[in-house]
């Protein structure tokens, strides 16, 4: 169980989950679905260890390759391995970008999505929402800096309070 949480945290922070809908074919272009999970890290030995554990314990095939800027990438891109990895970590993924992408992949491979154009539309809407969320987060950070505010995150709410507010007195 701890490994699942660790792996989900790694994917949350330095990973990506990609449900690509692309065109393939030289003469006739047709849509196809390709999924992948990537984790970037400068410590190659750690990625090799993760790859080994995934292979031995869970039967997930992956490879470690040099990525860019001194970082290495652990890539999982076979359909079976991506599905196993999604099942392994989906309940522990917290990243607002990666969790919906994991569900897109899960639902596609469970045949809950059959129309690739629909998958592409959902993915594009998700990307637009992510861009809006990122802009809102930038605005929130500016506001917090200017007004000297702190943010408190609970299970259900995000609360913005003055910096001098004592949380212990409120409880």
Protein backbone atom coordinates (compact mmCIF):
# COMPACT_ATOMS: atom_id res chain seq x y z
CA UNK A 1 0.00 0.00 0.00
CA UNK A 2 2.81 2.42 0.84
CA UNK A 3 4.40 1.85 -2.56
CA UNK A 4 1.13 2.77 -4.28
CA UNK A 5 0.92 6.03 -2.36
CA UNK A 6 4.60 6.76 -3.04
CA UNK A 7 4.20 6.10 -6.76
CA UNK A 8 1.03 8.22 -6.94
CA UNK A 9 2.86 11.07 -5.20
CA UNK A 10 5.75 10.74 -7.62
CA UNK A 11 3.35 10.91 -10.57
CA UNK A 12 1.53 13.86 -8.94
CA UNK A 13 4.72 15.87 -8.57
CA UNK A 14 7.09 14.89 -11.39
CA UNK A 15 4.96 12.81 -13.72
CA UNK A 16 2.47 13.01 -16.51
CA UNK A 17 -0.49 10.91 -17.56
CA UNK A 18 -1.34 11.37 -21.22
CA UNK A 19 -4.43 10.08 -23.03
CA UNK A 20 -3.45 11.03 -26.59
CA UNK A 21 -5.89 10.90 -29.47
CA UNK A 22 -3.84 11.11 -32.67
CA UNK A 23 -4.11 10.53 -36.38
CA UNK A 24 -2.25 7.57 -37.89
CA UNK A 25 -1.81 6.30 -41.42
CA UNK A 26 0.11 7.28 -44.51
CA UNK A 27 -2.65 7.15 -47.08
CA UNK A 28 -5.79 7.17 -44.95
CA UNK A 29 -5.67 9.17 -41.74
CA UNK A 30 -7.60 7.60 -38.89
CA UNK A 31 -7.84 8.40 -35.21
CA UNK A 32 -6.25 6.13 -32.63
CA UNK A 33 -5.83 6.24 -28.86
CA UNK A 34 -2.41 6.15 -27.21
CA UNK A 35 -1.81 6.44 -23.52
CA UNK A 36 1.33 6.85 -21.48
CA UNK A 37 2.65 7.58 -18.02
CA UNK A 38 5.99 9.30 -17.53
CA UNK A 39 7.95 10.18 -14.41
CA UNK A 40 10.93 12.55 -14.64
CA UNK A 41 13.79 12.56 -12.17
CA UNK A 42 17.48 13.42 -12.14
CA UNK A 43 18.28 10.33 -10.04
CA UNK A 44 18.42 7.50 -12.57
CA UNK A 45 18.99 4.87 -9.88
CA UNK A 46 15.68 5.75 -8.22
CA UNK A 47 13.83 5.42 -11.52
CA UNK A 48 15.59 2.09 -12.20
CA UNK A 49 14.48 0.88 -8.76
CA UNK A 50 10.88 1.97 -9.43
CA UNK A 51 10.98 0.23 -12.81
CA UNK A 52 12.31 -2.95 -11.20
CA UNK A 53 9.61 -2.98 -8.47
CA UNK A 54 6.87 -2.31 -11.04
CA UNK A 55 8.15 -5.19 -13.16
CA UNK A 56 8.76 -7.79 -10.44
CA UNK A 57 5.84 -7.08 -8.11
CA UNK A 58 3.13 -5.82 -10.47
CA UNK A 59 4.11 -7.10 -13.95
CA UNK A 60 4.28 -3.54 -15.33
CA UNK A 61 6.80 -2.99 -18.11
CA UNK A 62 8.60 0.33 -18.26
CA UNK A 63 11.88 1.75 -19.45
CA UNK A 64 14.21 4.46 -18.20
CA UNK A 65 15.65 6.81 -20.78
CA UNK A 66 17.53 10.07 -20.75
CA UNK A 67 15.03 12.90 -21.08
CA UNK A 68 16.34 16.47 -21.07
CA UNK A 69 18.19 18.96 -18.85
CA UNK A 70 19.94 16.22 -16.88
CA UNK A 71 16.72 14.37 -16.07
CA UNK A 72 15.76 10.81 -16.87
CA UNK A 73 12.30 9.55 -17.72
CA UNK A 74 10.59 6.37 -16.66
CA UNK A 75 8.05 5.60 -19.39
CA UNK A 76 5.11 3.23 -19.20
CA UNK A 77 3.32 3.03 -22.52
CA UNK A 78 2.07 -0.46 -23.28
CA UNK A 79 -1.71 -0.66 -22.96
CA UNK A 80 -1.63 -3.44 -20.37
CA UNK A 81 1.02 -1.73 -18.23
CA UNK A 82 -0.70 1.66 -18.38
CA UNK A 83 -3.97 0.04 -17.26
CA UNK A 84 -2.24 -1.79 -14.40
CA UNK A 85 -0.50 1.42 -13.29
CA UNK A 86 -3.73 3.43 -13.42
CA UNK A 87 -5.47 0.82 -11.25
CA UNK A 88 -2.50 0.83 -8.89
CA UNK A 89 -2.45 4.59 -8.24
CA UNK A 90 -5.77 6.15 -9.29
CA UNK A 91 -7.26 6.31 -5.79
CA UNK A 92 -4.16 8.17 -4.54
CA UNK A 93 -3.68 10.65 -7.40
CA UNK A 94 -4.46 14.13 -6.08
CA UNK A 95 -3.16 16.38 -8.87
CA UNK A 96 -6.10 18.23 -10.45
CA UNK A 97 -4.55 17.74 -13.88
CA UNK A 98 -3.49 14.11 -13.71
CA UNK A 99 -6.48 12.53 -11.96
CA UNK A 100 -9.04 13.35 -14.71
CA UNK A 101 -6.55 12.17 -17.36
CA UNK A 102 -6.18 8.88 -15.49
CA UNK A 103 -9.96 8.47 -15.54
CA UNK A 104 -10.10 9.21 -19.28
CA UNK A 105 -7.62 6.38 -19.88
CA UNK A 106 -9.43 4.04 -17.48
CA UNK A 107 -12.84 4.69 -19.03
CA UNK A 108 -11.52 4.36 -22.57
CA UNK A 109 -9.96 0.97 -21.92
CA UNK A 110 -13.10 -0.17 -20.06
CA UNK A 111 -15.06 0.67 -23.26
CA UNK A 112 -17.04 3.41 -21.53
CA UNK A 113 -15.85 5.76 -24.30
CA UNK A 114 -16.16 4.37 -27.80
CA UNK A 115 -15.99 7.54 -29.89
CA UNK A 116 -12.44 8.88 -30.16
CA UNK A 117 -13.69 12.32 -31.20
CA UNK A 118 -15.60 12.45 -27.91
CA UNK A 119 -12.43 11.50 -26.01
CA UNK A 120 -10.51 14.22 -27.85
CA UNK A 121 -13.23 16.79 -27.02
CA UNK A 122 -13.21 15.84 -23.32
CA UNK A 123 -9.41 16.02 -23.22
CA UNK A 124 -9.35 19.45 -24.91
CA UNK A 125 -11.98 20.80 -22.49
CA UNK A 126 -9.93 19.46 -19.62
CA UNK A 127 -6.83 21.26 -20.92
CA UNK A 128 -8.80 24.53 -21.24
CA UNK A 129 -10.04 24.17 -17.66
CA UNK A 130 -6.48 23.51 -16.48
CA UNK A 131 -5.25 26.70 -18.15
CA UNK A 132 -8.01 28.69 -16.44
CA UNK A 133 -7.19 27.07 -13.08
CA UNK A 134 -3.50 27.92 -13.49
CA UNK A 135 -4.37 31.55 -14.26
CA UNK A 136 -6.61 31.68 -11.18
CA UNK A 137 -3.83 30.22 -9.03
CA UNK A 138 -1.42 32.89 -10.28
CA UNK A 139 -4.00 35.57 -9.40
CA UNK A 140 -4.51 34.00 -5.96
CA UNK A 141 -0.78 33.98 -5.23
CA UNK A 142 -0.52 37.66 -6.26
CA UNK A 143 -3.46 38.54 -4.02
CA UNK A 144 -2.01 36.60 -1.10
CA UNK A 145 1.34 38.34 -1.53
CA UNK A 146 -0.13 41.83 -1.84
CA UNK A 147 -2.58 41.46 1.03
CA UNK A 148 -0.28 39.31 3.18
CA UNK A 149 -2.72 36.45 3.29
CA UNK A 150 -2.22 32.78 4.05
CA UNK A 151 -4.19 29.91 2.66
CA UNK A 152 -5.66 27.07 4.70
CA UNK A 153 -6.74 23.94 2.86
CA UNK A 154 -9.18 21.60 4.58
CA UNK A 155 -10.86 18.46 3.27
CA UNK A 156 -13.74 20.43 1.80
CA UNK A 157 -12.72 24.07 1.49
CA UNK A 158 -9.90 26.48 0.71
CA UNK A 159 -9.87 29.37 3.18
CA UNK A 160 -7.86 32.57 2.78
CA UNK A 161 -6.98 34.30 6.07
CA UNK A 162 -4.71 37.17 7.21
CA UNK A 163 -1.11 36.13 7.93
CA UNK A 164 -1.28 37.18 11.57
CA UNK A 165 -4.32 34.93 12.17
CA UNK A 166 -3.59 32.26 14.79
CA UNK A 167 -5.07 28.94 13.67
CA UNK A 168 -4.79 27.36 17.10
CA UNK A 169 -6.96 30.06 18.68
CA UNK A 170 -9.69 29.36 16.15
CA UNK A 171 -9.86 25.64 16.89
